[in-house]
């Protein structure tokens, strides 16, 4: 597929500078979104744009595509000034916004034809372009499907197809893989690699630091300033000999991580399989971490640093290991050690089966991960276990309550954070907190106390009179989590709680989750961040409505070992399980056809 206008003649790889950003400033009232920003972006290169929430990534993207005017400085894209040559910018660039911006009540082909007309193209005369884009994105079999009925990964592919419609020279992708499963992420990477190989300049804003590590160059923003510009390995090399792994502590990982993060010499730490990975602060010695390892009988070994280690280090380190939220609650006591169970749980919508005979049990204080591709049935299963959907067949119990008969009693024992932010935009942050407290039956002094605790724990004071719709994404998720925990439930359901938030906010969330689990709270979580699956005690994998695997993260990784992946990651295990399930389905179909 040719990625440039016919008159362009094509670019050789890294032929020159595609975008020049010169001393750009942008403010919104008193908020400085960009402060004297300078950078060059090259043709034939994938440039990653990373940084915490509110760093200025989307503002920069919108300036580059001509949708925002900078207050100072200038940007040229493919030789055109983004302000003075705005019409030319819209032809020379393709932009895929952070949120799905297409029309959900139009089909795939109708969206593509509409977008072609918006780009000044006669859709009837460009059938070759449509055919090429459908083949490139593998959307050919789905041209008649409504965009609103597509999975998350397919929506992103349609957005990419529309962004490529006018064969742009520069492609701007604002977090294209948020909420997308690892298989679909691989497809997106395949497509973008083909575009850069053909000479296109691609800017990929991402919250996934393993994605940033695969970029050829990275721009790291923080509070509107450029903190780093260069190959990811160059930043990673800055923390050589500061990354370590504590092994031999699989049963006490959460407690060990919490203690390690509270050491002054430790800047960051995560659970990684049956081990704990830590990063020492610049200039810190090993004395504290060595003493902790000796105390708990762990082995401390140096490991190669990752780009994520360097990212967190550059921004001053992650949150500590103690959850103020968990410290305020009493340990959970249940009549049974089984907090959640389902047996042959099934949900059908007409002829479509969303969840098919799913069975598992979750113990008190367990962190249980539910993984799978977009459309696998994870959210449907969650909603049935929360009493929000009535099962077609099978049964489910939460804290001993049968969800078919005691829905109200069960709901009072659980907290639910939905996949999509579902609070009330017409209410302020404080009013949302008050409403949630009232829904869960909190009154008087207890209600006031819980609300104040949530405001303090999640740092919401500056936003109390703000509508949730205008909050930065990280604070939206904090507010949603606060509302789901207001009544201190013994069971917590989190449906992609960290989707789209930056790594530091993700660490904050997992500090709370780990702390709650240590107090006996049962946590069920879905996520597309495979490193987060490492925090789970066990992981259930769903595919095409069925449960295809259930085991610890380490066991799933062991089972996916191969010559190609001798030391597989959770993402490798995820893809292995999906590919194996597809082979089994194909073999079953062949057997049925032969019979």
Protein backbone atom coordinates (compact mmCIF):
# COMPACT_ATOMS: atom_id res chain seq x y z
CA UNK A 1 0.00 0.00 0.00
CA UNK A 2 1.42 3.41 -0.97
CA UNK A 3 1.18 5.80 1.96
CA UNK A 4 1.94 9.12 0.25
CA UNK A 5 0.14 11.32 -2.29
CA UNK A 6 0.97 10.37 -5.86
CA UNK A 7 2.62 13.75 -6.45
CA UNK A 8 4.97 13.19 -3.53
CA UNK A 9 7.09 10.54 -5.20
CA UNK A 10 7.67 8.70 -1.91
CA UNK A 11 10.33 9.18 0.75
CA UNK A 12 13.35 7.10 1.49
CA UNK A 13 13.60 6.04 5.11
CA UNK A 14 14.62 8.92 7.41
CA UNK A 15 15.02 11.25 4.42
CA UNK A 16 14.36 14.35 6.48
CA UNK A 17 12.38 16.18 9.11
CA UNK A 18 8.61 15.83 8.85
CA UNK A 19 7.58 18.04 11.79
CA UNK A 20 9.45 20.95 13.35
CA UNK A 21 8.18 22.12 16.75
CA UNK A 22 9.82 25.42 17.71
CA UNK A 23 9.39 26.98 21.18
CA UNK A 24 5.69 26.11 21.34
CA UNK A 25 3.63 27.32 24.28
CA UNK A 26 -0.03 26.73 25.00
CA UNK A 27 -2.11 27.71 27.99
CA UNK A 28 -5.75 27.30 28.96
CA UNK A 29 -6.47 30.10 31.40
CA UNK A 30 -3.89 29.75 34.17
CA UNK A 31 -2.94 26.21 33.14
CA UNK A 32 0.26 25.94 31.07
CA UNK A 33 -0.20 22.87 28.90
CA UNK A 34 3.03 23.34 26.90
CA UNK A 35 6.03 25.44 27.95
CA UNK A 36 8.68 26.27 25.35
CA UNK A 37 8.47 22.90 23.61
CA UNK A 38 11.10 22.07 20.94
CA UNK A 39 11.39 18.84 18.92
CA UNK A 40 11.91 17.41 15.42
CA UNK A 41 9.99 14.40 14.08
CA UNK A 42 11.42 12.44 11.16
CA UNK A 43 10.02 10.65 8.12
CA UNK A 44 10.26 6.86 8.12
CA UNK A 45 10.41 6.73 11.88
CA UNK A 46 8.01 5.76 14.66
CA UNK A 47 8.16 8.42 17.38
CA UNK A 48 6.62 7.65 20.76
CA UNK A 49 4.94 10.37 22.82
CA UNK A 50 4.80 9.48 26.52
CA UNK A 51 4.24 11.18 29.83
CA UNK A 52 1.89 11.19 32.84
CA UNK A 53 -1.73 12.37 32.69
CA UNK A 54 -1.91 16.09 32.01
CA UNK A 55 1.64 16.26 30.61
CA UNK A 56 0.47 17.93 27.38
CA UNK A 57 0.51 14.99 24.94
CA UNK A 58 -2.98 15.46 23.48
CA UNK A 59 -2.53 19.25 23.36
CA UNK A 60 0.65 18.79 21.32
CA UNK A 61 -1.10 16.31 19.01
CA UNK A 62 -3.98 18.72 18.39
CA UNK A 63 -1.61 21.58 17.64
CA UNK A 64 0.30 19.42 15.14
CA UNK A 65 -2.89 18.52 13.33
CA UNK A 66 -4.09 22.14 13.22
CA UNK A 67 -7.00 21.75 15.62
CA UNK A 68 -5.47 24.05 18.26
CA UNK A 69 -3.54 27.28 17.78
CA UNK A 70 -0.42 27.67 19.95
CA UNK A 71 -0.08 30.82 22.06
CA UNK A 72 3.58 31.07 21.14
CA UNK A 73 6.15 29.46 18.86
CA UNK A 74 5.44 27.61 15.63
CA UNK A 75 4.92 24.15 14.15
CA UNK A 76 5.54 23.14 10.56
CA UNK A 77 4.31 19.78 9.27
CA UNK A 78 5.45 18.46 5.88
CA UNK A 79 6.65 21.99 5.15
CA UNK A 80 3.33 23.67 6.03
CA UNK A 81 2.71 26.02 8.95
CA UNK A 82 -0.09 24.54 11.08
CA UNK A 83 -1.74 27.97 11.51
CA UNK A 84 -1.14 29.74 8.21
CA UNK A 85 -1.53 26.66 5.99
CA UNK A 86 -4.29 24.95 7.94
CA UNK A 87 -6.13 23.53 4.92
CA UNK A 88 -2.92 21.92 3.62
CA UNK A 89 -2.23 20.45 7.08
CA UNK A 90 -5.47 18.49 6.98
CA UNK A 91 -4.37 16.86 3.72
CA UNK A 92 -0.74 16.26 4.72
CA UNK A 93 -1.63 14.75 8.11
CA UNK A 94 -3.88 11.98 9.37
CA UNK A 95 -5.16 12.17 12.94
CA UNK A 96 -6.69 9.41 15.05
CA UNK A 97 -8.02 10.96 18.29
CA UNK A 98 -7.86 9.37 21.71
CA UNK A 99 -11.58 8.61 21.81
CA UNK A 100 -13.38 6.76 19.05
CA UNK A 101 -14.58 9.65 16.89
CA UNK A 102 -16.51 7.87 14.15
CA UNK A 103 -20.26 7.39 13.77
CA UNK A 104 -21.44 4.32 15.64
CA UNK A 105 -24.79 4.17 13.80
CA UNK A 106 -23.05 3.99 10.40
CA UNK A 107 -21.45 0.87 8.95
CA UNK A 108 -17.72 0.42 8.42
CA UNK A 109 -18.02 1.31 4.73
CA UNK A 110 -20.37 4.23 5.38
CA UNK A 111 -17.87 5.70 7.84
CA UNK A 112 -15.06 5.32 5.32
CA UNK A 113 -17.07 6.94 2.50
CA UNK A 114 -18.11 9.80 4.78
CA UNK A 115 -14.52 10.37 5.87
CA UNK A 116 -13.39 10.36 2.22
CA UNK A 117 -15.90 13.11 1.42
CA UNK A 118 -14.75 15.12 4.46
CA UNK A 119 -11.21 14.90 3.07
CA UNK A 120 -12.38 16.29 -0.28
CA UNK A 121 -12.28 12.94 -2.08
CA UNK A 122 -14.90 11.54 -4.46
CA UNK A 123 -15.64 8.20 -2.81
CA UNK A 124 -17.00 6.73 -6.05
CA UNK A 125 -13.70 7.35 -7.85
CA UNK A 126 -11.39 5.87 -5.23
CA UNK A 127 -12.53 2.27 -4.94
CA UNK A 128 -8.88 1.20 -5.14
CA UNK A 129 -8.08 3.15 -1.97
CA UNK A 130 -11.03 1.59 -0.12
CA UNK A 131 -9.99 -1.88 -1.23
CA UNK A 132 -6.39 -1.24 -0.18
CA UNK A 133 -7.37 0.09 3.26
CA UNK A 134 -9.82 -2.75 3.93
CA UNK A 135 -7.13 -5.28 3.05
CA UNK A 136 -4.50 -3.43 5.09
CA UNK A 137 -6.70 -3.32 8.23
CA UNK A 138 -8.34 -6.73 7.62
CA UNK A 139 -11.78 -5.14 7.84
CA UNK A 140 -12.91 -6.49 4.46
CA UNK A 141 -15.38 -9.06 5.90
CA UNK A 142 -17.03 -6.42 8.12
CA UNK A 143 -17.92 -3.57 5.73
CA UNK A 144 -21.66 -3.80 6.54
CA UNK A 145 -21.26 -4.02 10.33
CA UNK A 146 -22.24 -0.94 12.33
CA UNK A 147 -19.23 0.77 13.90
CA UNK A 148 -20.94 0.65 17.29
CA UNK A 149 -21.04 -3.16 17.06
CA UNK A 150 -17.30 -3.53 16.47
CA UNK A 151 -14.91 -4.77 19.15
CA UNK A 152 -12.45 -2.28 20.63
CA UNK A 153 -9.62 -3.49 18.40
CA UNK A 154 -11.75 -3.33 15.25
CA UNK A 155 -12.89 0.21 16.11
CA UNK A 156 -9.26 1.27 16.32
CA UNK A 157 -8.52 -0.34 12.94
CA UNK A 158 -11.45 1.53 11.40
CA UNK A 159 -10.18 4.77 12.93
CA UNK A 160 -6.76 4.06 11.44
CA UNK A 161 -8.27 3.34 8.01
CA UNK A 162 -10.11 6.68 8.06
CA UNK A 163 -6.98 8.55 9.22
CA UNK A 164 -5.10 7.06 6.25
CA UNK A 165 -7.81 7.93 3.73
CA UNK A 166 -6.01 10.83 2.02
CA UNK A 167 -2.62 9.10 2.09
CA UNK A 168 -1.07 11.47 4.65
CA UNK A 169 2.65 12.09 4.98
CA UNK A 170 2.43 12.37 8.78
CA UNK A 171 0.17 10.13 10.91
CA UNK A 172 -0.73 11.20 14.45
CA UNK A 173 -2.14 8.47 16.71
CA UNK A 174 -3.36 9.54 20.17
CA UNK A 175 -3.26 6.43 22.37
CA UNK A 176 -4.57 4.07 19.66
CA UNK A 177 -4.18 0.92 21.76
CA UNK A 178 -6.09 1.99 24.88
CA UNK A 179 -8.60 -0.73 25.79
CA UNK A 180 -7.26 -2.99 23.03
CA UNK A 181 -6.24 -6.58 23.73
CA UNK A 182 -2.69 -7.84 22.99
CA UNK A 183 -3.69 -9.62 19.78
CA UNK A 184 -5.24 -6.46 18.33
CA UNK A 185 -2.25 -4.44 19.55
CA UNK A 186 0.00 -6.72 17.51
CA UNK A 187 -2.12 -6.01 14.43
CA UNK A 188 -1.85 -2.25 15.02
CA UNK A 189 1.92 -2.54 15.37
CA UNK A 190 2.12 -4.57 12.18
CA UNK A 191 0.23 -1.89 10.26
CA UNK A 192 2.21 1.02 11.68
CA UNK A 193 5.53 -0.73 10.99
CA UNK A 194 4.49 -1.13 7.35
CA UNK A 195 3.70 2.61 7.17
CA UNK A 196 7.05 3.72 8.58
CA UNK A 197 8.87 1.26 6.33
CA UNK A 198 7.19 3.04 3.43
CA UNK A 199 8.54 6.39 4.63
CA UNK A 200 5.66 7.83 6.62
CA UNK A 201 6.31 9.75 9.84
CA UNK A 202 4.18 8.27 12.63
CA UNK A 203 3.71 9.74 16.10
CA UNK A 204 2.24 7.24 18.59
CA UNK A 205 1.07 8.60 21.95
CA UNK A 206 0.86 5.77 24.46
CA UNK A 207 0.33 4.85 28.09
CA UNK A 208 1.94 1.43 27.47
CA UNK A 209 5.65 1.79 28.13
CA UNK A 210 6.47 -1.52 26.47
CA UNK A 211 5.12 0.12 23.31
CA UNK A 212 7.30 3.18 23.84
CA UNK A 213 10.30 0.88 24.21
CA UNK A 214 9.66 -0.41 20.67
CA UNK A 215 9.67 3.09 19.14
CA UNK A 216 12.79 4.36 17.40
CA UNK A 217 12.59 7.69 19.20
CA UNK A 218 10.67 8.91 22.25
CA UNK A 219 9.50 12.35 23.38
CA UNK A 220 8.85 12.28 27.13
CA UNK A 221 6.68 15.14 28.42
CA UNK A 222 6.02 16.20 31.98
CA UNK A 223 3.99 19.25 33.01
CA UNK A 224 4.26 20.67 29.50
CA UNK A 225 8.04 20.38 29.26
CA UNK A 226 10.20 18.03 27.22
CA UNK A 227 12.16 15.88 29.68
CA UNK A 228 13.76 13.51 27.16
CA UNK A 229 14.17 13.25 23.38
CA UNK A 230 15.98 10.28 21.87
CA UNK A 231 16.07 6.49 21.50
CA UNK A 232 14.42 4.68 24.43
CA UNK A 233 17.57 2.68 25.13
CA UNK A 234 19.46 5.90 25.79
CA UNK A 235 17.11 6.72 28.69
CA UNK A 236 17.14 3.12 29.93
CA UNK A 237 20.94 3.12 30.07
CA UNK A 238 20.83 5.91 32.65
CA UNK A 239 19.71 3.48 35.36
CA UNK A 240 22.13 0.63 34.72
CA UNK A 241 22.85 -1.44 37.84
CA UNK A 242 19.85 -0.04 39.72
CA UNK A 243 17.22 -2.68 38.83
CA UNK A 244 16.90 -5.80 40.99
CA UNK A 245 14.59 -8.75 41.52
CA UNK A 246 13.68 -10.36 44.84
CA UNK A 247 12.90 -14.06 44.36
CA UNK A 248 11.81 -16.94 46.57
CA UNK A 249 8.89 -15.07 48.17
CA UNK A 250 5.88 -16.02 46.03
CA UNK A 251 3.47 -16.35 48.96
CA UNK A 252 4.39 -12.98 50.45
CA UNK A 253 4.86 -10.89 47.31
CA UNK A 254 2.35 -8.17 48.18
CA UNK A 255 3.69 -7.66 51.68
CA UNK A 256 7.30 -7.61 50.41
CA UNK A 257 6.46 -5.10 47.67
CA UNK A 258 4.77 -2.81 50.18
CA UNK A 259 7.76 -2.93 52.53
CA UNK A 260 10.26 -2.39 49.70
CA UNK A 261 8.39 0.64 48.34
CA UNK A 262 8.40 2.25 51.78
CA UNK A 263 12.23 2.18 51.87
CA UNK A 264 13.82 5.56 51.20
CA UNK A 265 16.33 4.01 48.79
CA UNK A 266 13.68 2.39 46.57
CA UNK A 267 12.07 4.58 43.90
CA UNK A 268 9.84 2.02 42.23
CA UNK A 269 8.69 -1.57 42.46
CA UNK A 270 6.26 -4.00 40.87
CA UNK A 271 5.23 -7.64 41.23
CA UNK A 272 6.66 -9.74 38.42
CA UNK A 273 5.48 -13.34 38.48
CA UNK A 274 6.61 -14.99 41.69
CA UNK A 275 9.16 -12.24 42.29
CA UNK A 276 9.25 -8.53 43.19
CA UNK A 277 11.14 -6.12 40.94
CA UNK A 278 12.59 -2.94 42.47
CA UNK A 279 14.52 0.08 41.20
CA UNK A 280 16.89 1.96 43.51
CA UNK A 281 17.00 5.74 43.51
CA UNK A 282 19.94 7.51 41.90
CA UNK A 283 22.90 7.43 44.29
CA UNK A 284 21.23 5.06 46.76
CA UNK A 285 23.14 2.10 48.17
CA UNK A 286 21.98 -1.49 48.47
CA UNK A 287 22.09 -1.67 52.25
CA UNK A 288 18.33 -1.31 52.90
CA UNK A 289 17.18 -3.69 50.18
CA UNK A 290 19.89 -6.23 51.13
CA UNK A 291 18.73 -6.10 54.76
CA UNK A 292 15.08 -6.60 53.72
CA UNK A 293 16.02 -9.56 51.50
CA UNK A 294 17.96 -11.17 54.36
CA UNK A 295 15.08 -10.61 56.80
CA UNK A 296 12.48 -12.36 54.62
CA UNK A 297 14.82 -15.01 53.21
CA UNK A 298 14.66 -13.70 49.64
CA UNK A 299 17.39 -13.76 47.01
CA UNK A 300 18.34 -10.40 45.51
CA UNK A 301 19.68 -10.46 41.97
CA UNK A 302 20.43 -7.67 39.47
CA UNK A 303 18.30 -7.58 36.29
CA UNK A 304 18.43 -5.61 33.07
CA UNK A 305 16.64 -2.25 33.38
CA UNK A 306 13.52 -1.56 31.33
CA UNK A 307 12.34 1.66 29.74
CA UNK A 308 9.50 1.68 32.28
CA UNK A 309 12.05 1.68 35.13
CA UNK A 310 13.79 4.69 33.59
CA UNK A 311 10.49 6.50 32.92
CA UNK A 312 9.34 6.24 36.54
CA UNK A 313 12.82 7.18 37.79
CA UNK A 314 12.96 10.31 35.60
CA UNK A 315 9.60 11.46 37.01
CA UNK A 316 10.82 11.10 40.59
CA UNK A 317 9.65 7.56 41.41
CA UNK A 318 6.30 5.94 42.05
CA UNK A 319 3.99 6.10 45.08
CA UNK A 320 4.97 4.42 48.33
CA UNK A 321 3.88 0.95 49.32
CA UNK A 322 1.26 1.79 51.94
CA UNK A 323 -2.36 2.35 50.94
CA UNK A 324 -3.97 4.98 53.15
CA UNK A 325 -7.31 3.60 51.99
CA UNK A 326 -6.55 0.04 53.10
CA UNK A 327 -5.09 1.23 56.40
CA UNK A 328 -8.48 2.72 57.34
CA UNK A 329 -10.50 -0.49 56.99
CA UNK A 330 -10.79 -3.53 59.24
CA UNK A 331 -9.85 -6.99 58.00
CA UNK A 332 -12.67 -8.70 56.14
CA UNK A 333 -14.24 -11.73 57.82
CA UNK A 334 -16.58 -14.02 55.89
CA UNK A 335 -18.54 -17.12 56.87
CA UNK A 336 -16.91 -18.94 53.95
CA UNK A 337 -13.45 -18.72 52.41
CA UNK A 338 -15.13 -18.60 48.98
CA UNK A 339 -16.18 -15.01 48.23
CA UNK A 340 -17.37 -15.35 44.62
CA UNK A 341 -18.44 -18.42 42.67
CA UNK A 342 -20.20 -19.18 39.42
CA UNK A 343 -21.30 -22.47 37.90
CA UNK A 344 -22.17 -23.00 34.23
CA UNK A 345 -22.84 -19.25 33.99
CA UNK A 346 -24.34 -18.45 30.57
CA UNK A 347 -25.74 -15.31 28.95
CA UNK A 348 -27.40 -15.17 25.56
CA UNK A 349 -28.69 -12.13 23.68
CA UNK A 350 -31.03 -13.63 21.10
CA UNK A 351 -28.95 -16.02 19.01
CA UNK A 352 -25.67 -14.56 20.32
CA UNK A 353 -23.97 -16.25 23.27
CA UNK A 354 -21.85 -13.71 25.19
CA UNK A 355 -20.84 -16.04 28.05
CA UNK A 356 -20.95 -19.81 27.67
CA UNK A 357 -20.97 -22.17 30.70
CA UNK A 358 -18.32 -20.35 32.74
CA UNK A 359 -17.40 -21.83 36.13
CA UNK A 360 -14.84 -20.76 38.78
CA UNK A 361 -14.43 -19.87 42.47
CA UNK A 362 -12.60 -16.91 44.00
CA UNK A 363 -11.28 -17.03 47.56
CA UNK A 364 -11.40 -14.36 50.26
CA UNK A 365 -8.57 -11.87 49.79
CA UNK A 366 -7.67 -13.21 46.34
CA UNK A 367 -6.87 -10.98 43.38
CA UNK A 368 -8.46 -12.76 40.44
CA UNK A 369 -7.80 -11.57 36.89
CA UNK A 370 -10.22 -12.06 34.02
CA UNK A 371 -8.41 -11.70 30.68
CA UNK A 372 -9.31 -12.13 27.05
CA UNK A 373 -9.55 -10.36 23.69
CA UNK A 374 -12.11 -7.62 23.07
CA UNK A 375 -15.55 -9.21 22.88
CA UNK A 376 -14.53 -12.39 24.73
CA UNK A 377 -17.29 -12.02 27.34
CA UNK A 378 -15.35 -10.54 30.29
CA UNK A 379 -17.59 -7.54 30.93
CA UNK A 380 -20.76 -9.62 30.48
CA UNK A 381 -19.48 -12.09 33.09
CA UNK A 382 -18.65 -9.20 35.41
CA UNK A 383 -22.11 -7.68 35.05
CA UNK A 384 -23.80 -10.99 35.88
CA UNK A 385 -21.62 -11.41 38.98
CA UNK A 386 -22.53 -7.87 40.04
CA UNK A 387 -26.26 -8.49 39.59
CA UNK A 388 -26.48 -6.02 36.71
CA UNK A 389 -27.38 -8.71 34.16
CA UNK A 390 -29.61 -11.71 34.71
CA UNK A 391 -27.97 -14.98 33.60
CA UNK A 392 -29.74 -17.03 30.93
CA UNK A 393 -28.52 -20.23 32.60
CA UNK A 394 -26.29 -21.25 35.49
CA UNK A 395 -25.83 -19.69 38.90
CA UNK A 396 -23.63 -17.18 40.67
CA UNK A 397 -22.97 -16.41 44.34
CA UNK A 398 -21.32 -13.39 45.99
CA UNK A 399 -20.47 -13.66 49.70
CA UNK A 400 -22.95 -16.53 49.98
CA UNK A 401 -25.86 -14.68 48.32
CA UNK A 402 -27.52 -16.29 45.30
CA UNK A 403 -27.68 -13.56 42.66
CA UNK A 404 -30.93 -15.01 41.27
CA UNK A 405 -32.78 -14.54 44.55
CA UNK A 406 -30.90 -12.04 46.74
CA UNK A 407 -29.69 -9.45 44.25
CA UNK A 408 -30.09 -6.53 46.65
CA UNK A 409 -28.27 -8.25 49.50
CA UNK A 410 -25.44 -9.25 47.18
CA UNK A 411 -25.07 -5.75 45.73
CA UNK A 412 -24.60 -4.30 49.21
CA UNK A 413 -21.58 -6.59 49.63
CA UNK A 414 -19.73 -5.55 46.49
CA UNK A 415 -18.25 -2.53 44.79
CA UNK A 416 -18.26 -2.16 41.02
CA UNK A 417 -16.13 0.12 38.86
CA UNK A 418 -17.40 -0.02 35.29
CA UNK A 419 -15.22 -0.24 32.19
CA UNK A 420 -16.51 3.10 30.90
CA UNK A 421 -16.61 6.05 33.26
CA UNK A 422 -20.23 5.98 34.42
CA UNK A 423 -20.66 8.77 36.94
CA UNK A 424 -22.94 11.76 36.49
CA UNK A 425 -21.58 14.62 34.37
CA UNK A 426 -24.34 16.98 35.52
CA UNK A 427 -23.19 16.60 39.14
CA UNK A 428 -19.95 17.94 40.61
CA UNK A 429 -17.25 15.68 42.00
CA UNK A 430 -18.52 16.25 45.55
CA UNK A 431 -22.12 15.62 44.51
CA UNK A 432 -21.09 12.33 42.86
CA UNK A 433 -19.41 11.26 46.10
CA UNK A 434 -22.48 12.23 48.12
CA UNK A 435 -24.81 10.45 45.71
CA UNK A 436 -22.76 7.23 45.82
CA UNK A 437 -22.63 7.32 49.61
CA UNK A 438 -26.41 7.69 49.72
CA UNK A 439 -26.99 4.85 47.26
CA UNK A 440 -25.00 2.55 49.55
CA UNK A 441 -27.06 3.60 52.56
CA UNK A 442 -24.47 5.75 54.34
CA UNK A 443 -25.91 8.49 56.53
CA UNK A 444 -24.96 11.25 58.95
CA UNK A 445 -21.48 11.33 60.44
CA UNK A 446 -20.41 8.07 58.78
CA UNK A 447 -21.36 9.45 55.35
CA UNK A 448 -19.43 12.70 55.93
CA UNK A 449 -16.40 10.82 57.28
CA UNK A 450 -16.23 8.42 54.31
CA UNK A 451 -16.54 11.24 51.78
CA UNK A 452 -13.73 13.20 53.42
CA UNK A 453 -11.57 10.06 53.51
CA UNK A 454 -12.03 9.59 49.77
CA UNK A 455 -11.29 13.24 49.03
CA UNK A 456 -8.05 13.02 50.99
CA UNK A 457 -6.99 9.57 49.75
CA UNK A 458 -7.52 10.34 46.06
CA UNK A 459 -6.41 14.00 46.18
CA UNK A 460 -9.76 15.28 44.91
CA UNK A 461 -9.99 18.54 46.89
CA UNK A 462 -9.00 20.83 44.00
CA UNK A 463 -11.74 19.31 41.80
CA UNK A 464 -14.72 19.17 44.19
CA UNK A 465 -16.78 21.78 42.31
CA UNK A 466 -15.75 20.42 38.88
CA UNK A 467 -17.85 18.23 36.60
CA UNK A 468 -16.36 14.72 36.19
CA UNK A 469 -16.51 15.20 32.40
CA UNK A 470 -13.79 17.85 32.56
CA UNK A 471 -11.41 15.93 34.86
CA UNK A 472 -8.09 14.51 33.61
CA UNK A 473 -8.53 10.78 32.94
CA UNK A 474 -6.47 9.73 35.95
CA UNK A 475 -8.71 11.74 38.27
CA UNK A 476 -11.87 10.39 36.61
CA UNK A 477 -10.67 6.89 37.43
CA UNK A 478 -9.76 7.92 40.99
CA UNK A 479 -13.27 9.30 41.48
CA UNK A 480 -14.87 6.16 40.05
CA UNK A 481 -12.78 3.96 42.36
CA UNK A 482 -13.62 6.17 45.35
CA UNK A 483 -17.36 5.84 44.66
CA UNK A 484 -17.14 2.05 44.32
CA UNK A 485 -15.33 1.75 47.68
CA UNK A 486 -17.42 4.21 49.69
CA UNK A 487 -19.24 1.47 51.65
CA UNK A 488 -16.09 -0.66 52.21
CA UNK A 489 -17.33 -3.77 50.39
CA UNK A 490 -15.72 -7.19 51.00
CA UNK A 491 -15.76 -7.85 47.22
CA UNK A 492 -14.57 -5.40 44.57
CA UNK A 493 -15.14 -5.71 40.81
CA UNK A 494 -12.83 -3.56 38.66
CA UNK A 495 -13.51 -3.61 34.90
CA UNK A 496 -10.36 -2.23 33.20
CA UNK A 497 -9.77 0.30 36.01
CA UNK A 498 -6.46 1.63 34.67
CA UNK A 499 -7.26 1.76 30.94
CA UNK A 500 -5.58 4.82 29.45
CA UNK A 501 -4.04 6.16 32.67
CA UNK A 502 -0.32 6.76 33.03
CA UNK A 503 2.04 4.25 34.73
CA UNK A 504 2.38 6.28 37.94
CA UNK A 505 -1.41 6.43 38.42
CA UNK A 506 -1.58 2.70 37.63
CA UNK A 507 0.94 2.04 40.41
CA UNK A 508 -1.15 4.12 42.80
CA UNK A 509 -4.21 2.02 41.96
CA UNK A 510 -2.33 -1.23 42.50
CA UNK A 511 -0.96 -0.02 45.82
CA UNK A 512 -4.58 0.34 46.93
CA UNK A 513 -5.62 -3.00 45.39
CA UNK A 514 -2.74 -4.87 47.03
CA UNK A 515 -3.45 -3.20 50.35
CA UNK A 516 -7.14 -4.10 50.18
CA UNK A 517 -6.31 -7.74 49.34
CA UNK A 518 -4.01 -7.92 52.35
CA UNK A 519 -7.03 -6.88 54.47
CA UNK A 520 -9.05 -9.74 53.02
CA UNK A 521 -10.97 -7.83 50.34
CA UNK A 522 -11.58 -10.03 47.29
CA UNK A 523 -10.72 -8.24 44.03
CA UNK A 524 -11.81 -9.31 40.56
CA UNK A 525 -10.19 -7.29 37.79
CA UNK A 526 -10.11 -7.19 34.00
CA UNK A 527 -7.19 -5.57 32.24
CA UNK A 528 -5.40 -5.33 28.91
CA UNK A 529 -2.12 -4.45 30.65
CA UNK A 530 -0.45 -7.83 30.80
CA UNK A 531 2.06 -6.69 33.42
CA UNK A 532 -0.92 -6.01 35.71
CA UNK A 533 -1.97 -9.65 35.34
CA UNK A 534 1.28 -10.46 37.20
CA UNK A 535 -0.29 -8.98 40.36
CA UNK A 536 -3.12 -11.51 40.25
CA UNK A 537 -3.05 -14.68 42.33
CA UNK A 538 -4.81 -16.49 39.49
CA UNK A 539 -5.90 -15.58 35.98
CA UNK A 540 -8.90 -16.86 34.01
CA UNK A 541 -8.62 -16.52 30.24
CA UNK A 542 -11.79 -16.12 28.17
CA UNK A 543 -12.13 -16.46 24.41
CA UNK A 544 -15.28 -16.50 22.31
CA UNK A 545 -17.46 -16.59 25.44
CA UNK A 546 -15.73 -19.65 26.92
CA UNK A 547 -13.20 -20.10 29.73
CA UNK A 548 -10.10 -21.56 28.04
CA UNK A 549 -7.53 -21.41 30.88
CA UNK A 550 -7.41 -20.86 34.64
CA UNK A 551 -4.13 -20.86 36.58
CA UNK A 552 -1.47 -18.69 38.19
CA UNK A 553 0.36 -16.23 35.93
CA UNK A 554 3.60 -18.19 36.30
CA UNK A 555 1.93 -21.47 35.33
CA UNK A 556 0.37 -19.89 32.24
CA UNK A 557 3.76 -18.50 31.23
CA UNK A 558 5.46 -21.87 31.75
CA UNK A 559 2.88 -23.57 29.55
CA UNK A 560 3.60 -21.13 26.71
CA UNK A 561 7.36 -21.67 26.57
CA UNK A 562 8.76 -22.33 23.10
CA UNK A 563 11.98 -22.03 21.14
CA UNK A 564 10.82 -18.58 20.06
CA UNK A 565 9.86 -17.55 23.62
CA UNK A 566 12.07 -19.45 26.11
CA UNK A 567 11.23 -16.93 28.86
CA UNK A 568 7.71 -15.81 27.93
CA UNK A 569 5.95 -12.73 29.22
CA UNK A 570 2.26 -12.64 30.13
CA UNK A 571 1.60 -11.09 26.72
CA UNK A 572 3.34 -14.07 25.08
CA UNK A 573 1.20 -16.41 27.19
CA UNK A 574 -1.98 -14.52 26.25
CA UNK A 575 -1.24 -14.77 22.52
CA UNK A 576 -0.22 -18.44 22.85
CA UNK A 577 -3.53 -19.31 24.52
CA UNK A 578 -5.58 -17.48 21.88
CA UNK A 579 -3.66 -19.08 19.00
CA UNK A 580 -4.04 -22.53 20.60
CA UNK A 581 -7.79 -22.00 21.03
CA UNK A 582 -8.12 -20.95 17.39
CA UNK A 583 -6.27 -24.09 16.28
CA UNK A 584 -8.55 -26.23 18.43
CA UNK A 585 -11.63 -24.54 16.95
CA UNK A 586 -10.32 -25.08 13.43
CA UNK A 587 -9.56 -28.74 14.12
CA UNK A 588 -13.04 -29.23 15.60
CA UNK A 589 -14.65 -27.58 12.57
CA UNK A 590 -12.64 -29.81 10.20
CA UNK A 591 -13.68 -32.91 12.15
CA UNK A 592 -17.34 -31.93 12.00
CA UNK A 593 -17.08 -31.26 8.26
CA UNK A 594 -15.44 -34.65 7.69
CA UNK A 595 -18.17 -36.39 9.68
